[in-house]
Amino acid sequence: MNDAEAKRVLDGVVADLRRQPYGTLVARYLHEADNRTIAAETGAEYQVEVQAFWDSPRQPGNLRVIITIDDGGWRAFRPLSTDFIVAPDGSFVGE
């Protein structure tokens, strides 16, 4: 897997997710992960998974969104990943 290319794809997915409203993120990703295949500029295909969890299960509110990417090969066992936390008011926690 080309890590630099995968990181660019990952960054694009994250940018799109960060533009979505809090309610949309909760409705779409909280109860079920979203898996998709994205083709990079070179034609390489990457599997991207987006999932969300309450950042604190005891006090739902802040939502942690986790995004992973791999090429379907051995990297699937250790994908690149990133995350962010969004508050109900749409602000990003810890930034």
PDB file of N, CA and C in Angstrom:
ATOM      1  N   MET A   1       0.847  -1.175   0.000  1.00  0.00           N
ATOM      2  CA  MET A   1       0.000   0.000   0.000  1.00  0.00           C
ATOM      3  C   MET A   1       0.887   1.231   0.000  1.00  0.00           C
ATOM      4  N   ASN A   2       0.523   2.188  -0.787  1.00  0.00           N
ATOM      5  CA  ASN A   2       1.236   3.450  -0.816  1.00  0.00           C
ATOM      6  C   ASN A   2       0.678   4.322   0.314  1.00  0.00           C
ATOM      7  N   ASP A   3       1.426   4.423   1.409  1.00  0.00           N
ATOM      8  CA  ASP A   3       0.940   5.132   2.595  1.00  0.00           C
ATOM      9  C   ASP A   3       0.625   6.594   2.319  1.00  0.00           C
ATOM     10  N   ALA A   4       1.447   7.253   1.511  1.00  0.00           N
ATOM     11  CA  ALA A   4       1.211   8.671   1.219  1.00  0.00           C
ATOM     12  C   ALA A   4      -0.099   8.845   0.441  1.00  0.00           C
ATOM     13  N   GLU A   5      -0.322   7.991  -0.535  1.00  0.00           N
ATOM     14  CA  GLU A   5      -1.559   8.068  -1.303  1.00  0.00           C
ATOM     15  C   GLU A   5      -2.764   7.736  -0.422  1.00  0.00           C
ATOM     16  N   ALA A   6      -2.647   6.687   0.385  1.00  0.00           N
ATOM     17  CA  ALA A   6      -3.746   6.310   1.282  1.00  0.00           C
ATOM     18  C   ALA A   6      -4.058   7.441   2.256  1.00  0.00           C
ATOM     19  N   LYS A   7      -3.035   8.128   2.731  1.00  0.00           N
ATOM     20  CA  LYS A   7      -3.242   9.252   3.656  1.00  0.00           C
ATOM     21  C   LYS A   7      -3.996  10.389   2.963  1.00  0.00           C
ATOM     22  N   ARG A   8      -3.700  10.639   1.702  1.00  0.00           N
ATOM     23  CA  ARG A   8      -4.428  11.673   0.956  1.00  0.00           C
ATOM     24  C   ARG A   8      -5.907  11.304   0.810  1.00  0.00           C
ATOM     25  N   VAL A   9      -6.172  10.034   0.512  1.00  0.00           N
ATOM     26  CA  VAL A   9      -7.554   9.567   0.401  1.00  0.00           C
ATOM     27  C   VAL A   9      -8.246   9.701   1.761  1.00  0.00           C
ATOM     28  N   LEU A  10      -7.562   9.264   2.803  1.00  0.00           N
ATOM     29  CA  LEU A  10      -8.102   9.349   4.163  1.00  0.00           C
ATOM     30  C   LEU A  10      -8.408  10.797   4.537  1.00  0.00           C
ATOM     31  N   ASP A  11      -7.494  11.700   4.243  1.00  0.00           N
ATOM     32  CA  ASP A  11      -7.699  13.119   4.556  1.00  0.00           C
ATOM     33  C   ASP A  11      -8.924  13.674   3.833  1.00  0.00           C
ATOM     34  N   GLY A  12      -9.149  13.246   2.610  1.00  0.00           N
ATOM     35  CA  GLY A  12     -10.322  13.694   1.864  1.00  0.00           C
ATOM     36  C   GLY A  12     -11.620  13.211   2.484  1.00  0.00           C
ATOM     37  N   VAL A  13     -11.625  11.958   2.929  1.00  0.00           N
ATOM     38  CA  VAL A  13     -12.812  11.402   3.586  1.00  0.00           C
ATOM     39  C   VAL A  13     -13.083  12.157   4.891  1.00  0.00           C
ATOM     40  N   VAL A  14     -12.035  12.388   5.656  1.00  0.00           N
ATOM     41  CA  VAL A  14     -12.183  13.105   6.927  1.00  0.00           C
ATOM     42  C   VAL A  14     -12.722  14.514   6.687  1.00  0.00           C
ATOM     43  N   ALA A  15     -12.202  15.199   5.699  1.00  0.00           N
ATOM     44  CA  ALA A  15     -12.679  16.559   5.395  1.00  0.00           C
ATOM     45  C   ALA A  15     -14.169  16.545   5.070  1.00  0.00           C
ATOM     46  N   ASP A  16     -14.611  15.567   4.284  1.00  0.00           N
ATOM     47  CA  ASP A  16     -16.038  15.456   3.958  1.00  0.00           C
ATOM     48  C   ASP A  16     -16.872  15.192   5.207  1.00  0.00           C
ATOM     49  N   LEU A  17     -16.398  14.307   6.067  1.00  0.00           N
ATOM     50  CA  LEU A  17     -17.138  13.978   7.284  1.00  0.00           C
ATOM     51  C   LEU A  17     -17.235  15.180   8.223  1.00  0.00           C
ATOM     52  N   ARG A  18     -16.161  15.940   8.329  1.00  0.00           N
ATOM     53  CA  ARG A  18     -16.151  17.088   9.238  1.00  0.00           C
ATOM     54  C   ARG A  18     -17.107  18.199   8.784  1.00  0.00           C
ATOM     55  N   ARG A  19     -17.522  18.164   7.529  1.00  0.00           N
ATOM     56  CA  ARG A  19     -18.493  19.149   7.032  1.00  0.00           C
ATOM     57  C   ARG A  19     -19.936  18.726   7.309  1.00  0.00           C
ATOM     58  N   GLN A  20     -20.131  17.474   7.706  1.00  0.00           N
ATOM     59  CA  GLN A  20     -21.486  16.983   7.951  1.00  0.00           C
ATOM     60  C   GLN A  20     -21.981  17.430   9.330  1.00  0.00           C
ATOM     61  N   PRO A  21     -23.272  17.720   9.440  1.00  0.00           N
ATOM     62  CA  PRO A  21     -23.825  18.097  10.744  1.00  0.00           C
ATOM     63  C   PRO A  21     -23.769  16.936  11.742  1.00  0.00           C
ATOM     64  N   TYR A  22     -23.702  17.294  13.002  1.00  0.00           N
ATOM     65  CA  TYR A  22     -23.664  16.316  14.097  1.00  0.00           C
ATOM     66  C   TYR A  22     -24.783  15.289  13.953  1.00  0.00           C
ATOM     67  N   GLY A  23     -26.011  15.744  13.723  1.00  0.00           N
ATOM     68  CA  GLY A  23     -27.155  14.836  13.624  1.00  0.00           C
ATOM     69  C   GLY A  23     -27.007  13.824  12.503  1.00  0.00           C
ATOM     70  N   THR A  24     -26.438  14.239  11.415  1.00  0.00           N
ATOM     71  CA  THR A  24     -26.216  13.337  10.284  1.00  0.00           C
ATOM     72  C   THR A  24     -25.185  12.274  10.650  1.00  0.00           C
ATOM     73  N   LEU A  25     -24.114  12.688  11.310  1.00  0.00           N
ATOM     74  CA  LEU A  25     -23.084  11.730  11.730  1.00  0.00           C
ATOM     75  C   LEU A  25     -23.663  10.703  12.692  1.00  0.00           C
ATOM     76  N   VAL A  26     -24.468  11.141  13.648  1.00  0.00           N
ATOM     77  CA  VAL A  26     -25.093  10.225  14.609  1.00  0.00           C
ATOM     78  C   VAL A  26     -25.998   9.243  13.869  1.00  0.00           C
ATOM     79  N   ALA A  27     -26.878   9.771  13.034  1.00  0.00           N
ATOM     80  CA  ALA A  27     -27.850   8.922  12.343  1.00  0.00           C
ATOM     81  C   ALA A  27     -27.189   7.917  11.402  1.00  0.00           C
ATOM     82  N   ARG A  28     -26.153   8.340  10.743  1.00  0.00           N
ATOM     83  CA  ARG A  28     -25.561   7.474   9.713  1.00  0.00           C
ATOM     84  C   ARG A  28     -24.534   6.480  10.244  1.00  0.00           C
ATOM     85  N   TYR A  29     -23.756   6.864  11.252  1.00  0.00           N
ATOM     86  CA  TYR A  29     -22.608   6.024  11.632  1.00  0.00           C
ATOM     87  C   TYR A  29     -22.641   5.444  13.042  1.00  0.00           C
ATOM     88  N   LEU A  30     -23.562   5.881  13.897  1.00  0.00           N
ATOM     89  CA  LEU A  30     -23.530   5.430  15.293  1.00  0.00           C
ATOM     90  C   LEU A  30     -23.849   3.947  15.441  1.00  0.00           C
ATOM     91  N   HIS A  31     -24.840   3.452  14.745  1.00  0.00           N
ATOM     92  CA  HIS A  31     -25.283   2.077  14.958  1.00  0.00           C
ATOM     93  C   HIS A  31     -24.751   1.082  13.942  1.00  0.00           C
ATOM     94  N   GLU A  32     -24.135   1.583  12.874  1.00  0.00           N
ATOM     95  CA  GLU A  32     -23.616   0.674  11.856  1.00  0.00           C
ATOM     96  C   GLU A  32     -22.458   1.326  11.107  1.00  0.00           C
ATOM     97  N   ALA A  33     -21.375   0.583  10.979  1.00  0.00           N
ATOM     98  CA  ALA A  33     -20.208   1.087  10.245  1.00  0.00           C
ATOM     99  C   ALA A  33     -20.542   1.194   8.763  1.00  0.00           C
ATOM    100  N   ASP A  34     -19.916   2.153   8.114  1.00  0.00           N
ATOM    101  CA  ASP A  34     -20.060   2.339   6.677  1.00  0.00           C
ATOM    102  C   ASP A  34     -18.756   1.904   6.027  1.00  0.00           C
ATOM    103  N   ASN A  35     -18.845   0.985   5.096  1.00  0.00           N
ATOM    104  CA  ASN A  35     -17.669   0.498   4.371  1.00  0.00           C
ATOM    105  C   ASN A  35     -17.824   0.856   2.912  1.00  0.00           C
ATOM    106  N   ARG A  36     -16.756   1.398   2.334  1.00  0.00           N
ATOM    107  CA  ARG A  36     -16.796   1.774   0.928  1.00  0.00           C
ATOM    108  C   ARG A  36     -15.423   1.575   0.299  1.00  0.00           C
ATOM    109  N   THR A  37     -15.414   1.465  -1.001  1.00  0.00           N
ATOM    110  CA  THR A  37     -14.176   1.367  -1.755  1.00  0.00           C
ATOM    111  C   THR A  37     -14.001   2.678  -2.513  1.00  0.00           C
ATOM    112  N   ILE A  38     -12.808   3.247  -2.398  1.00  0.00           N
ATOM    113  CA  ILE A  38     -12.503   4.506  -3.067  1.00  0.00           C
ATOM    114  C   ILE A  38     -11.283   4.290  -3.954  1.00  0.00           C
ATOM    115  N   ALA A  39     -11.394   4.712  -5.201  1.00  0.00           N
ATOM    116  CA  ALA A  39     -10.267   4.621  -6.133  1.00  0.00           C
ATOM    117  C   ALA A  39      -9.450   5.906  -6.043  1.00  0.00           C
ATOM    118  N   ALA A  40      -8.149   5.753  -5.893  1.00  0.00           N
ATOM    119  CA  ALA A  40      -7.235   6.898  -5.841  1.00  0.00           C
ATOM    120  C   ALA A  40      -6.896   7.326  -7.265  1.00  0.00           C
ATOM    121  N   GLU A  41      -6.188   8.430  -7.377  1.00  0.00           N
ATOM    122  CA  GLU A  41      -5.799   8.953  -8.689  1.00  0.00           C
ATOM    123  C   GLU A  41      -4.990   7.945  -9.512  1.00  0.00           C
ATOM    124  N   THR A  42      -4.219   7.105  -8.835  1.00  0.00           N
ATOM    125  CA  THR A  42      -3.394   6.123  -9.543  1.00  0.00           C
ATOM    126  C   THR A  42      -4.196   4.907  -9.991  1.00  0.00           C
ATOM    127  N   GLY A  43      -5.444   4.824  -9.541  1.00  0.00           N
ATOM    128  CA  GLY A  43      -6.268   3.666  -9.859  1.00  0.00           C
ATOM    129  C   GLY A  43      -6.289   2.633  -8.752  1.00  0.00           C
ATOM    130  N   ALA A  44      -5.404   2.790  -7.769  1.00  0.00           N
ATOM    131  CA  ALA A  44      -5.406   1.867  -6.627  1.00  0.00           C
ATOM    132  C   ALA A  44      -6.718   2.006  -5.864  1.00  0.00           C
ATOM    133  N   GLU A  45      -7.239   0.888  -5.383  1.00  0.00           N
ATOM    134  CA  GLU A  45      -8.493   0.914  -4.628  1.00  0.00           C
ATOM    135  C   GLU A  45      -8.210   0.723  -3.149  1.00  0.00           C
ATOM    136  N   TYR A  46      -8.896   1.527  -2.356  1.00  0.00           N
ATOM    137  CA  TYR A  46      -8.744   1.485  -0.903  1.00  0.00           C
ATOM    138  C   TYR A  46     -10.090   1.229  -0.249  1.00  0.00           C
ATOM    139  N   GLN A  47     -10.069   0.396   0.795  1.00  0.00           N
ATOM    140  CA  GLN A  47     -11.265   0.147   1.583  1.00  0.00           C
ATOM    141  C   GLN A  47     -11.263   1.144   2.745  1.00  0.00           C
ATOM    142  N   VAL A  48     -12.352   1.864   2.877  1.00  0.00           N
ATOM    143  CA  VAL A  48     -12.488   2.865   3.927  1.00  0.00           C
ATOM    144  C   VAL A  48     -13.667   2.463   4.812  1.00  0.00           C
ATOM    145  N   GLU A  49     -13.443   2.498   6.118  1.00  0.00           N
ATOM    146  CA  GLU A  49     -14.514   2.212   7.064  1.00  0.00           C
ATOM    147  C   GLU A  49     -14.701   3.415   7.972  1.00  0.00           C
ATOM    148  N   VAL A  50     -15.960   3.812   8.159  1.00  0.00           N
ATOM    149  CA  VAL A  50     -16.304   4.916   9.053  1.00  0.00           C
ATOM    150  C   VAL A  50     -17.244   4.355  10.104  1.00  0.00           C
ATOM    151  N   GLN A  51     -16.932   4.602  11.364  1.00  0.00           N
ATOM    152  CA  GLN A  51     -17.808   4.200  12.462  1.00  0.00           C
ATOM    153  C   GLN A  51     -17.809   5.291  13.513  1.00  0.00           C
ATOM    154  N   ALA A  52     -18.848   5.296  14.321  1.00  0.00           N
ATOM    155  CA  ALA A  52     -18.946   6.306  15.366  1.00  0.00           C
ATOM    156  C   ALA A  52     -19.413   5.666  16.663  1.00  0.00           C
ATOM    157  N   PHE A  53     -18.940   6.232  17.755  1.00  0.00           N
ATOM    158  CA  PHE A  53     -19.288   5.768  19.098  1.00  0.00           C
ATOM    159  C   PHE A  53     -19.466   6.987  19.991  1.00  0.00           C
ATOM    160  N   TRP A  54     -20.269   6.830  21.026  1.00  0.00           N
ATOM    161  CA  TRP A  54     -20.300   7.888  22.035  1.00  0.00           C
ATOM    162  C   TRP A  54     -18.926   7.944  22.656  1.00  0.00           C
ATOM    163  N   ASP A  55     -18.378   9.125  22.799  1.00  0.00           N
ATOM    164  CA  ASP A  55     -17.044   9.252  23.379  1.00  0.00           C
ATOM    165  C   ASP A  55     -17.041   8.780  24.828  1.00  0.00           C
ATOM    166  N   SER A  56     -18.146   8.979  25.518  1.00  0.00           N
ATOM    167  CA  SER A  56     -18.297   8.484  26.882  1.00  0.00           C
ATOM    168  C   SER A  56     -19.629   7.735  26.949  1.00  0.00           C
ATOM    169  N   PRO A  57     -19.595   6.404  26.986  1.00  0.00           N
ATOM    170  CA  PRO A  57     -20.841   5.639  26.994  1.00  0.00           C
ATOM    171  C   PRO A  57     -21.753   5.975  28.172  1.00  0.00           C
ATOM    172  N   ARG A  58     -21.183   6.446  29.258  1.00  0.00           N
ATOM    173  CA  ARG A  58     -21.994   6.792  30.424  1.00  0.00           C
ATOM    174  C   ARG A  58     -22.727   8.109  30.253  1.00  0.00           C
ATOM    175  N   GLN A  59     -22.248   8.930  29.341  1.00  0.00           N
ATOM    176  CA  GLN A  59     -22.850  10.241  29.122  1.00  0.00           C
ATOM    177  C   GLN A  59     -22.836  10.550  27.624  1.00  0.00           C
ATOM    178  N   PRO A  60     -23.808   9.984  26.871  1.00  0.00           N
ATOM    179  CA  PRO A  60     -23.848  10.258  25.432  1.00  0.00           C
ATOM    180  C   PRO A  60     -23.929  11.756  25.154  1.00  0.00           C
ATOM    181  N   GLY A  61     -23.344  12.143  24.090  1.00  0.00           N
ATOM    182  CA  GLY A  61     -23.319  13.553  23.699  1.00  0.00           C
ATOM    183  C   GLY A  61     -22.232  13.767  22.673  1.00  0.00           C
ATOM    184  N   ASN A  62     -20.990  13.729  23.125  1.00  0.00           N
ATOM    185  CA  ASN A  62     -19.871  13.868  22.199  1.00  0.00           C
ATOM    186  C   ASN A  62     -19.720  12.581  21.395  1.00  0.00           C
ATOM    187  N   LEU A  63     -19.545  12.733  20.106  1.00  0.00           N
ATOM    188  CA  LEU A  63     -19.466  11.587  19.206  1.00  0.00           C
ATOM    189  C   LEU A  63     -18.046  11.464  18.662  1.00  0.00           C
ATOM    190  N   ARG A  64     -17.451  10.287  18.837  1.00  0.00           N
ATOM    191  CA  ARG A  64     -16.131  10.007  18.270  1.00  0.00           C
ATOM    192  C   ARG A  64     -16.324   9.288  16.943  1.00  0.00           C
ATOM    193  N   VAL A  65     -15.768   9.854  15.885  1.00  0.00           N
ATOM    194  CA  VAL A  65     -15.861   9.276  14.545  1.00  0.00           C
ATOM    195  C   VAL A  65     -14.482   8.722  14.198  1.00  0.00           C
ATOM    196  N   ILE A  66     -14.442   7.441  13.857  1.00  0.00           N
ATOM    197  CA  ILE A  66     -13.186   6.752  13.559  1.00  0.00           C
ATOM    198  C   ILE A  66     -13.200   6.341  12.088  1.00  0.00           C
ATOM    199  N   ILE A  67     -12.108   6.649  11.393  1.00  0.00           N
ATOM    200  CA  ILE A  67     -11.997   6.339   9.983  1.00  0.00           C
ATOM    201  C   ILE A  67     -10.724   5.519   9.775  1.00  0.00           C
ATOM    202  N   THR A  68     -10.858   4.371   9.100  1.00  0.00           N
ATOM    203  CA  THR A  68      -9.694   3.534   8.792  1.00  0.00           C
ATOM    204  C   THR A  68      -9.627   3.311   7.284  1.00  0.00           C
ATOM    205  N   ILE A  69      -8.407   3.048   6.808  1.00  0.00           N
ATOM    206  CA  ILE A  69      -8.201   2.802   5.382  1.00  0.00           C
ATOM    207  C   ILE A  69      -7.127   1.733   5.201  1.00  0.00           C
ATOM    208  N   ASP A  70      -7.362   0.848   4.234  1.00  0.00           N
ATOM    209  CA  ASP A  70      -6.360  -0.157   3.863  1.00  0.00           C
ATOM    210  C   ASP A  70      -6.556  -0.509   2.401  1.00  0.00           C
ATOM    211  N   ASP A  71      -5.653  -1.302   1.882  1.00  0.00           N
ATOM    212  CA  ASP A  71      -5.739  -1.675   0.471  1.00  0.00           C
ATOM    213  C   ASP A  71      -6.256  -3.097   0.263  1.00  0.00           C
ATOM    214  N   GLY A  72      -6.754  -3.709   1.317  1.00  0.00           N
ATOM    215  CA  GLY A  72      -7.280  -5.063   1.201  1.00  0.00           C
ATOM    216  C   GLY A  72      -6.228  -6.138   1.322  1.00  0.00           C
ATOM    217  N   GLY A  73      -4.968  -5.754   1.357  1.00  0.00           N
ATOM    218  CA  GLY A  73      -3.877  -6.714   1.513  1.00  0.00           C
ATOM    219  C   GLY A  73      -3.534  -6.888   2.990  1.00  0.00           C
ATOM    220  N   TRP A  74      -2.266  -7.125   3.254  1.00  0.00           N
ATOM    221  CA  TRP A  74      -1.837  -7.344   4.639  1.00  0.00           C
ATOM    222  C   TRP A  74      -2.120  -6.135   5.512  1.00  0.00           C
ATOM    223  N   ARG A  75      -2.219  -4.933   4.904  1.00  0.00           N
ATOM    224  CA  ARG A  75      -2.475  -3.719   5.678  1.00  0.00           C
ATOM    225  C   ARG A  75      -3.850  -3.736   6.336  1.00  0.00           C
ATOM    226  N   ALA A  76      -4.734  -4.628   5.887  1.00  0.00           N
ATOM    227  CA  ALA A  76      -6.049  -4.743   6.523  1.00  0.00           C
ATOM    228  C   ALA A  76      -5.911  -5.136   7.994  1.00  0.00           C
ATOM    229  N   PHE A  77      -4.792  -5.765   8.346  1.00  0.00           N
ATOM    230  CA  PHE A  77      -4.550  -6.146   9.736  1.00  0.00           C
ATOM    231  C   PHE A  77      -4.031  -4.977  10.570  1.00  0.00           C
ATOM    232  N   ARG A  78      -3.537  -3.952   9.881  1.00  0.00           N
ATOM    233  CA  ARG A  78      -3.016  -2.757  10.559  1.00  0.00           C
ATOM    234  C   ARG A  78      -3.268  -1.533   9.664  1.00  0.00           C
ATOM    235  N   PRO A  79      -4.544  -1.135   9.567  1.00  0.00           N
ATOM    236  CA  PRO A  79      -4.880  -0.037   8.660  1.00  0.00           C
ATOM    237  C   PRO A  79      -4.421   1.317   9.200  1.00  0.00           C
ATOM    238  N   LEU A  80      -4.312   2.275   8.294  1.00  0.00           N
ATOM    239  CA  LEU A  80      -4.109   3.654   8.723  1.00  0.00           C
ATOM    240  C   LEU A  80      -5.430   4.115   9.323  1.00  0.00           C
ATOM    241  N   SER A  81      -5.376   4.934  10.344  1.00  0.00           N
ATOM    242  CA  SER A  81      -6.623   5.392  10.946  1.00  0.00           C
ATOM    243  C   SER A  81      -6.465   6.783  11.543  1.00  0.00           C
ATOM    244  N   THR A  82      -7.583   7.418  11.727  1.00  0.00           N
ATOM    245  CA  THR A  82      -7.647   8.710  12.391  1.00  0.00           C
ATOM    246  C   THR A  82      -9.032   8.837  13.001  1.00  0.00           C
ATOM    247  N   ASP A  83      -9.212   9.840  13.819  1.00  0.00           N
ATOM    248  CA  ASP A  83     -10.522  10.065  14.409  1.00  0.00           C
ATOM    249  C   ASP A  83     -10.677  11.530  14.788  1.00  0.00           C
ATOM    250  N   PHE A  84     -11.899  11.895  15.107  1.00  0.00           N
ATOM    251  CA  PHE A  84     -12.183  13.211  15.648  1.00  0.00           C
ATOM    252  C   PHE A  84     -13.412  13.082  16.540  1.00  0.00           C
ATOM    253  N   ILE A  85     -13.587  14.060  17.414  1.00  0.00           N
ATOM    254  CA  ILE A  85     -14.728  14.079  18.323  1.00  0.00           C
ATOM    255  C   ILE A  85     -15.514  15.351  18.044  1.00  0.00           C
ATOM    256  N   VAL A  86     -16.805  15.168  17.839  1.00  0.00           N
ATOM    257  CA  VAL A  86     -17.683  16.312  17.579  1.00  0.00           C
ATOM    258  C   VAL A  86     -18.734  16.394  18.685  1.00  0.00           C
ATOM    259  N   ALA A  87     -18.965  17.602  19.178  1.00  0.00           N
ATOM    260  CA  ALA A  87     -19.949  17.864  20.237  1.00  0.00           C
ATOM    261  C   ALA A  87     -21.325  18.097  19.595  1.00  0.00           C
ATOM    262  N   PRO A  88     -22.390  17.976  20.392  1.00  0.00           N
ATOM    263  CA  PRO A  88     -23.726  18.214  19.853  1.00  0.00           C
ATOM    264  C   PRO A  88     -23.912  19.591  19.209  1.00  0.00           C
ATOM    265  N   ASP A  89     -23.140  20.574  19.635  1.00  0.00           N
ATOM    266  CA  ASP A  89     -23.263  21.918  19.050  1.00  0.00           C
ATOM    267  C   ASP A  89     -22.464  22.051  17.738  1.00  0.00           C
ATOM    268  N   GLY A  90     -21.832  20.944  17.294  1.00  0.00           N
ATOM    269  CA  GLY A  90     -21.075  20.953  16.045  1.00  0.00           C
ATOM    270  C   GLY A  90     -19.625  21.333  16.181  1.00  0.00           C
ATOM    271  N   SER A  91     -19.178  21.707  17.369  1.00  0.00           N
ATOM    272  CA  SER A  91     -17.777  22.041  17.565  1.00  0.00           C
ATOM    273  C   SER A  91     -16.955  20.765  17.701  1.00  0.00           C
ATOM    274  N   PHE A  92     -15.669  20.897  17.449  1.00  0.00           N
ATOM    275  CA  PHE A  92     -14.779  19.748  17.534  1.00  0.00           C
ATOM    276  C   PHE A  92     -14.053  19.789  18.863  1.00  0.00           C
ATOM    277  N   VAL A  93     -14.123  18.701  19.599  1.00  0.00           N
ATOM    278  CA  VAL A  93     -13.551  18.610  20.953  1.00  0.00           C
ATOM    279  C   VAL A  93     -12.044  18.412  20.855  1.00  0.00           C
ATOM    280  N   GLY A  94     -11.306  19.150  21.668  1.00  0.00           N
ATOM    281  CA  GLY A  94      -9.863  18.987  21.753  1.00  0.00           C
ATOM    282  C   GLY A  94      -9.091  19.696  20.669  1.00  0.00           C
ATOM    283  N   GLU A  95      -9.721  20.571  19.937  1.00  0.00           N
ATOM    284  CA  GLU A  95      -9.013  21.283  18.867  1.00  0.00           C
ATOM    285  C   GLU A  95      -8.969  22.757  19.159  1.00  0.00           C
TER     286      GLU A  95
END
